[in-house]
Amino acid sequence: MTTSPGFARKPDYPLTIQPAGRAVSVRLNGQVIASSENALEMREADYPPVLYFPPEDVDMAAAARTETTSFCPFKGEASYWRFDDAADVAWSYEAPFDEVAGIAGHLAFYPDRVDAID
C-alpha cells in the first residue's frame, strides 16, 4: 500500500472519483481515439472535472508513451501519451496512490490538445 503524501498533509482535500454515468468520446484529427460508457469523472478542488478512460476503450494501437512524467502529491507519478503526431495529449497514473486507486491505468486527455471531448 502506498498512501498519498498530499492527503497526509491535507486530509480534507476535495477530490472525488465516480462513474461519469454517460457515454463519452475523444476526437483527435477527426478520428475517435477513445469512446467509453465506463469512464470515470474526477473532481478535484477548483479544477474542471476530468474524465479518465479505461485503456480498453482507448485506441492504444495509435498511442505511444512519451518520456514526459510529472508528479502529483495526491495522485502519484503520471506518464504521458502521444497519439500519432500529437505528443503529450493524454496522461495516466499506472500506480497511483491508494486513495485514487480507481484511476490506475486509465487515460485522461487535455481538452485543448484534442479536437473534442464529448
N, C-alpha and C. Protein backbone atom coordinates (compact mmCIF):
# COMPACT_ATOMS: atom_id res chain seq x y z
N MET A 1 0.84 -1.20 0.00
CA MET A 1 0.00 0.00 0.00
C MET A 1 0.88 1.24 0.00
N THR A 2 0.51 2.19 -0.85
CA THR A 2 1.23 3.45 -0.91
C THR A 2 0.22 4.57 -0.70
N THR A 3 0.38 5.25 0.41
CA THR A 3 -0.55 6.34 0.71
C THR A 3 -0.02 7.66 0.19
N SER A 4 -0.93 8.55 -0.07
CA SER A 4 -0.63 9.84 -0.66
C SER A 4 -0.03 10.80 0.36
N PRO A 5 1.13 11.41 0.05
CA PRO A 5 1.67 12.43 0.96
C PRO A 5 0.78 13.68 0.97
N GLY A 6 0.08 13.92 -0.15
CA GLY A 6 -0.81 15.07 -0.21
C GLY A 6 -1.96 14.94 0.77
N PHE A 7 -2.60 13.78 0.79
CA PHE A 7 -3.71 13.57 1.72
C PHE A 7 -3.23 13.48 3.17
N ALA A 8 -1.98 13.04 3.37
CA ALA A 8 -1.42 13.02 4.73
C ALA A 8 -1.32 14.45 5.28
N ARG A 9 -0.95 15.39 4.40
CA ARG A 9 -0.84 16.79 4.82
C ARG A 9 -2.19 17.51 4.83
N LYS A 10 -3.05 17.15 3.89
CA LYS A 10 -4.36 17.82 3.75
C LYS A 10 -5.45 16.75 3.64
N PRO A 11 -5.83 16.14 4.74
CA PRO A 11 -6.80 15.04 4.68
C PRO A 11 -8.17 15.46 4.15
N ASP A 12 -8.51 16.73 4.19
CA ASP A 12 -9.80 17.20 3.71
C ASP A 12 -9.74 17.75 2.28
N TYR A 13 -8.66 17.48 1.56
CA TYR A 13 -8.51 17.97 0.20
C TYR A 13 -9.67 17.41 -0.63
N PRO A 14 -10.39 18.30 -1.36
CA PRO A 14 -11.56 17.84 -2.12
C PRO A 14 -11.18 17.13 -3.43
N LEU A 15 -11.32 15.81 -3.45
CA LEU A 15 -11.06 15.02 -4.63
C LEU A 15 -12.01 13.83 -4.61
N THR A 16 -12.83 13.71 -5.64
CA THR A 16 -13.76 12.57 -5.73
C THR A 16 -13.64 11.93 -7.10
N ILE A 17 -13.89 10.63 -7.14
CA ILE A 17 -13.90 9.86 -8.37
C ILE A 17 -15.20 9.08 -8.39
N GLN A 18 -15.92 9.20 -9.51
CA GLN A 18 -17.17 8.45 -9.65
C GLN A 18 -17.39 8.12 -11.12
N PRO A 19 -18.24 7.15 -11.43
CA PRO A 19 -18.54 6.88 -12.83
C PRO A 19 -19.10 8.13 -13.51
N ALA A 20 -18.69 8.35 -14.76
CA ALA A 20 -19.19 9.51 -15.50
C ALA A 20 -20.69 9.40 -15.72
N GLY A 21 -21.20 8.18 -15.85
CA GLY A 21 -22.64 7.98 -15.97
C GLY A 21 -23.21 8.31 -17.34
N ARG A 22 -22.34 8.40 -18.35
CA ARG A 22 -22.80 8.70 -19.70
C ARG A 22 -21.73 8.23 -20.69
N ALA A 23 -22.13 8.10 -21.94
CA ALA A 23 -21.17 7.76 -22.98
C ALA A 23 -20.34 9.00 -23.30
N VAL A 24 -19.03 8.83 -23.41
CA VAL A 24 -18.13 9.94 -23.70
C VAL A 24 -17.11 9.49 -24.75
N SER A 25 -16.59 10.46 -25.48
CA SER A 25 -15.59 10.13 -26.50
C SER A 25 -14.59 11.26 -26.65
N VAL A 26 -13.47 10.92 -27.29
CA VAL A 26 -12.41 11.89 -27.58
C VAL A 26 -12.08 11.79 -29.06
N ARG A 27 -12.01 12.95 -29.72
CA ARG A 27 -11.64 13.01 -31.13
C ARG A 27 -10.34 13.79 -31.28
N LEU A 28 -9.49 13.27 -32.15
CA LEU A 28 -8.22 13.92 -32.47
C LEU A 28 -8.01 13.77 -33.98
N ASN A 29 -7.72 14.88 -34.64
CA ASN A 29 -7.52 14.89 -36.10
C ASN A 29 -8.71 14.23 -36.81
N GLY A 30 -9.91 14.48 -36.29
CA GLY A 30 -11.13 13.97 -36.91
C GLY A 30 -11.45 12.52 -36.62
N GLN A 31 -10.60 11.83 -35.86
CA GLN A 31 -10.79 10.41 -35.56
C GLN A 31 -11.14 10.22 -34.09
N VAL A 32 -12.02 9.28 -33.80
CA VAL A 32 -12.33 8.93 -32.42
C VAL A 32 -11.19 8.07 -31.89
N ILE A 33 -10.52 8.54 -30.84
CA ILE A 33 -9.41 7.77 -30.26
C ILE A 33 -9.79 7.17 -28.91
N ALA A 34 -10.94 7.57 -28.38
CA ALA A 34 -11.44 6.98 -27.13
C ALA A 34 -12.95 7.10 -27.13
N SER A 35 -13.62 6.05 -26.69
CA SER A 35 -15.07 6.05 -26.58
C SER A 35 -15.46 5.08 -25.49
N SER A 36 -16.22 5.55 -24.52
CA SER A 36 -16.50 4.71 -23.36
C SER A 36 -17.83 5.02 -22.70
N GLU A 37 -18.43 4.00 -22.16
CA GLU A 37 -19.58 4.14 -21.27
C GLU A 37 -19.14 3.86 -19.84
N ASN A 38 -17.82 3.62 -19.66
CA ASN A 38 -17.28 3.27 -18.35
C ASN A 38 -16.22 4.24 -17.85
N ALA A 39 -16.20 5.44 -18.40
CA ALA A 39 -15.21 6.44 -17.97
C ALA A 39 -15.51 6.87 -16.54
N LEU A 40 -14.48 7.33 -15.88
CA LEU A 40 -14.60 7.87 -14.52
C LEU A 40 -14.44 9.37 -14.58
N GLU A 41 -15.15 10.07 -13.71
CA GLU A 41 -15.03 11.52 -13.63
C GLU A 41 -14.39 11.89 -12.31
N MET A 42 -13.28 12.62 -12.40
CA MET A 42 -12.59 13.09 -11.20
C MET A 42 -12.91 14.58 -11.02
N ARG A 43 -13.31 14.91 -9.82
CA ARG A 43 -13.49 16.31 -9.44
C ARG A 43 -12.47 16.58 -8.34
N GLU A 44 -11.64 17.60 -8.60
CA GLU A 44 -10.53 17.90 -7.70
C GLU A 44 -10.47 19.40 -7.45
N ALA A 45 -10.64 19.75 -6.19
CA ALA A 45 -10.53 21.15 -5.76
C ALA A 45 -11.31 22.06 -6.71
N ASP A 46 -10.67 23.13 -7.19
CA ASP A 46 -11.33 24.09 -8.07
C ASP A 46 -11.06 23.83 -9.55
N TYR A 47 -10.46 22.67 -9.87
CA TYR A 47 -10.17 22.34 -11.27
C TYR A 47 -11.43 21.86 -11.97
N PRO A 48 -11.50 22.03 -13.30
CA PRO A 48 -12.63 21.46 -14.04
C PRO A 48 -12.62 19.93 -13.91
N PRO A 49 -13.77 19.28 -14.01
CA PRO A 49 -13.79 17.81 -13.95
C PRO A 49 -12.94 17.20 -15.05
N VAL A 50 -12.35 16.05 -14.76
CA VAL A 50 -11.51 15.34 -15.74
C VAL A 50 -12.08 13.93 -15.92
N LEU A 51 -12.19 13.52 -17.18
CA LEU A 51 -12.65 12.17 -17.50
C LEU A 51 -11.45 11.25 -17.66
N TYR A 52 -11.51 10.09 -17.03
CA TYR A 52 -10.47 9.06 -17.14
C TYR A 52 -11.07 7.86 -17.86
N PHE A 53 -10.48 7.50 -19.01
CA PHE A 53 -10.99 6.43 -19.86
C PHE A 53 -10.25 5.12 -19.57
N PRO A 54 -10.98 4.01 -19.42
CA PRO A 54 -10.30 2.71 -19.28
C PRO A 54 -9.49 2.43 -20.55
N PRO A 55 -8.31 1.84 -20.42
CA PRO A 55 -7.46 1.63 -21.60
C PRO A 55 -8.13 0.77 -22.68
N GLU A 56 -9.02 -0.14 -22.29
CA GLU A 56 -9.69 -0.96 -23.30
C GLU A 56 -10.66 -0.15 -24.16
N ASP A 57 -10.97 1.08 -23.75
CA ASP A 57 -11.85 1.95 -24.51
C ASP A 57 -11.10 3.05 -25.25
N VAL A 58 -9.77 2.91 -25.31
CA VAL A 58 -8.90 3.88 -25.98
C VAL A 58 -8.17 3.15 -27.12
N ASP A 59 -7.97 3.82 -28.23
CA ASP A 59 -7.23 3.23 -29.36
C ASP A 59 -5.74 3.20 -29.00
N MET A 60 -5.36 2.20 -28.23
CA MET A 60 -3.98 2.11 -27.76
C MET A 60 -3.01 1.75 -28.89
N ALA A 61 -3.53 1.25 -30.02
CA ALA A 61 -2.67 0.97 -31.17
C ALA A 61 -2.12 2.28 -31.76
N ALA A 62 -2.83 3.38 -31.55
CA ALA A 62 -2.38 4.68 -32.04
C ALA A 62 -1.59 5.44 -30.98
N ALA A 63 -1.45 4.86 -29.80
CA ALA A 63 -0.81 5.55 -28.67
C ALA A 63 0.62 5.06 -28.46
N ALA A 64 1.43 5.95 -27.93
CA ALA A 64 2.79 5.60 -27.51
C ALA A 64 3.14 6.46 -26.31
N ARG A 65 3.72 5.84 -25.32
CA ARG A 65 4.16 6.58 -24.13
C ARG A 65 5.32 7.49 -24.52
N THR A 66 5.33 8.69 -23.97
CA THR A 66 6.45 9.61 -24.20
C THR A 66 7.36 9.56 -22.98
N GLU A 67 8.42 10.33 -23.01
CA GLU A 67 9.34 10.37 -21.88
C GLU A 67 8.90 11.35 -20.80
N THR A 68 7.83 12.09 -21.05
CA THR A 68 7.34 13.08 -20.10
C THR A 68 6.72 12.40 -18.88
N THR A 69 7.03 12.91 -17.71
CA THR A 69 6.40 12.47 -16.47
C THR A 69 6.13 13.70 -15.61
N SER A 70 5.24 13.55 -14.65
CA SER A 70 5.01 14.60 -13.67
C SER A 70 4.58 13.92 -12.37
N PHE A 71 4.55 14.69 -11.30
CA PHE A 71 4.19 14.13 -10.00
C PHE A 71 3.13 14.99 -9.35
N CYS A 72 2.10 14.34 -8.84
CA CYS A 72 1.06 14.99 -8.05
C CYS A 72 1.08 14.38 -6.65
N PRO A 73 1.13 15.19 -5.60
CA PRO A 73 1.18 14.63 -4.25
C PRO A 73 -0.11 13.92 -3.84
N PHE A 74 -1.17 14.09 -4.60
CA PHE A 74 -2.44 13.43 -4.29
C PHE A 74 -2.68 12.18 -5.14
N LYS A 75 -2.08 12.14 -6.33
CA LYS A 75 -2.34 11.02 -7.24
C LYS A 75 -1.11 10.17 -7.51
N GLY A 76 0.06 10.75 -7.56
CA GLY A 76 1.28 9.98 -7.82
C GLY A 76 1.98 10.44 -9.07
N GLU A 77 2.75 9.53 -9.68
CA GLU A 77 3.53 9.86 -10.87
C GLU A 77 2.70 9.57 -12.12
N ALA A 78 2.65 10.57 -12.99
CA ALA A 78 1.89 10.45 -14.24
C ALA A 78 2.84 10.17 -15.40
N SER A 79 2.37 9.33 -16.31
CA SER A 79 3.03 9.09 -17.59
C SER A 79 2.21 9.78 -18.66
N TYR A 80 2.87 10.17 -19.75
CA TYR A 80 2.18 10.90 -20.80
C TYR A 80 2.21 10.11 -22.10
N TRP A 81 1.21 10.38 -22.93
CA TRP A 81 0.99 9.60 -24.15
C TRP A 81 0.85 10.48 -25.37
N ARG A 82 1.36 10.00 -26.49
CA ARG A 82 1.19 10.64 -27.78
C ARG A 82 0.21 9.80 -28.57
N PHE A 83 -0.50 10.44 -29.49
CA PHE A 83 -1.36 9.77 -30.44
C PHE A 83 -0.99 10.29 -31.80
N ASP A 84 -0.49 9.40 -32.65
CA ASP A 84 0.03 9.78 -33.95
C ASP A 84 1.09 10.86 -33.76
N ASP A 85 0.92 12.04 -34.34
CA ASP A 85 1.95 13.09 -34.22
C ASP A 85 1.70 14.05 -33.07
N ALA A 86 0.65 13.84 -32.31
CA ALA A 86 0.30 14.77 -31.22
C ALA A 86 0.90 14.25 -29.91
N ALA A 87 1.93 14.92 -29.43
CA ALA A 87 2.62 14.48 -28.21
C ALA A 87 1.94 14.99 -26.95
N ASP A 88 1.98 14.16 -25.93
CA ASP A 88 1.51 14.53 -24.59
C ASP A 88 0.07 15.04 -24.59
N VAL A 89 -0.81 14.36 -25.31
CA VAL A 89 -2.22 14.74 -25.32
C VAL A 89 -3.00 14.04 -24.21
N ALA A 90 -2.40 13.00 -23.64
CA ALA A 90 -3.07 12.25 -22.57
C ALA A 90 -2.07 11.91 -21.49
N TRP A 91 -2.60 11.61 -20.32
CA TRP A 91 -1.75 11.17 -19.21
C TRP A 91 -2.46 10.03 -18.48
N SER A 92 -1.68 9.28 -17.72
CA SER A 92 -2.24 8.20 -16.91
C SER A 92 -1.38 8.02 -15.66
N TYR A 93 -1.99 7.45 -14.67
CA TYR A 93 -1.30 7.06 -13.43
C TYR A 93 -1.31 5.55 -13.40
N GLU A 94 -0.16 4.94 -13.68
CA GLU A 94 -0.09 3.49 -13.73
C GLU A 94 -0.15 2.87 -12.34
N ALA A 95 0.43 3.53 -11.37
CA ALA A 95 0.43 3.03 -9.98
C ALA A 95 0.10 4.21 -9.05
N PRO A 96 -1.14 4.68 -9.09
CA PRO A 96 -1.49 5.85 -8.27
C PRO A 96 -1.52 5.49 -6.79
N PHE A 97 -1.56 6.53 -5.98
CA PHE A 97 -1.68 6.31 -4.54
C PHE A 97 -3.00 5.61 -4.22
N ASP A 98 -3.02 4.92 -3.10
CA ASP A 98 -4.19 4.12 -2.70
C ASP A 98 -5.49 4.90 -2.72
N GLU A 99 -5.44 6.16 -2.33
CA GLU A 99 -6.66 6.96 -2.23
C GLU A 99 -7.36 7.17 -3.57
N VAL A 100 -6.62 7.02 -4.66
CA VAL A 100 -7.19 7.21 -6.00
C VAL A 100 -6.93 5.99 -6.89
N ALA A 101 -6.86 4.83 -6.28
CA ALA A 101 -6.51 3.60 -7.00
C ALA A 101 -7.45 3.31 -8.17
N GLY A 102 -8.67 3.81 -8.13
CA GLY A 102 -9.64 3.54 -9.19
C GLY A 102 -9.23 4.05 -10.57
N ILE A 103 -8.32 5.03 -10.63
CA ILE A 103 -7.91 5.56 -11.94
C ILE A 103 -6.67 4.85 -12.50
N ALA A 104 -6.18 3.84 -11.83
CA ALA A 104 -4.97 3.14 -12.28
C ALA A 104 -5.12 2.70 -13.73
N GLY A 105 -4.17 3.10 -14.57
CA GLY A 105 -4.14 2.71 -15.96
C GLY A 105 -5.09 3.45 -16.88
N HIS A 106 -6.03 4.21 -16.33
CA HIS A 106 -6.97 4.98 -17.14
C HIS A 106 -6.25 6.17 -17.77
N LEU A 107 -6.72 6.62 -18.93
CA LEU A 107 -6.12 7.77 -19.60
C LEU A 107 -7.06 8.96 -19.56
N ALA A 108 -6.48 10.12 -19.30
CA ALA A 108 -7.19 11.39 -19.33
C ALA A 108 -6.58 12.24 -20.44
N PHE A 109 -7.39 13.08 -21.06
CA PHE A 109 -6.96 13.86 -22.21
C PHE A 109 -7.05 15.34 -21.93
N TYR A 110 -6.06 16.09 -22.43
CA TYR A 110 -6.10 17.55 -22.34
C TYR A 110 -7.13 18.07 -23.33
N PRO A 111 -8.15 18.80 -22.87
CA PRO A 111 -9.18 19.30 -23.79
C PRO A 111 -8.63 20.22 -24.87
N ASP A 112 -7.57 20.96 -24.57
CA ASP A 112 -7.03 21.90 -25.56
C ASP A 112 -6.02 21.26 -26.52
N ARG A 113 -5.77 19.95 -26.38
CA ARG A 113 -4.83 19.27 -27.26
C ARG A 113 -5.50 18.23 -28.15
N VAL A 114 -6.83 18.10 -28.03
CA VAL A 114 -7.61 17.20 -28.88
C VAL A 114 -8.69 18.04 -29.55
N ASP A 115 -9.34 17.46 -30.55
CA ASP A 115 -10.43 18.19 -31.22
C ASP A 115 -11.60 18.42 -30.29
N ALA A 116 -11.99 17.36 -29.58
CA ALA A 116 -13.17 17.47 -28.70
C ALA A 116 -13.20 16.31 -27.73
N ILE A 117 -13.77 16.59 -26.58
CA ILE A 117 -14.14 15.55 -25.62
C ILE A 117 -15.65 15.72 -25.45
N ASP A 118 -16.40 14.74 -25.95
CA ASP A 118 -17.86 14.81 -25.94
C ASP A 118 -18.44 13.86 -24.90
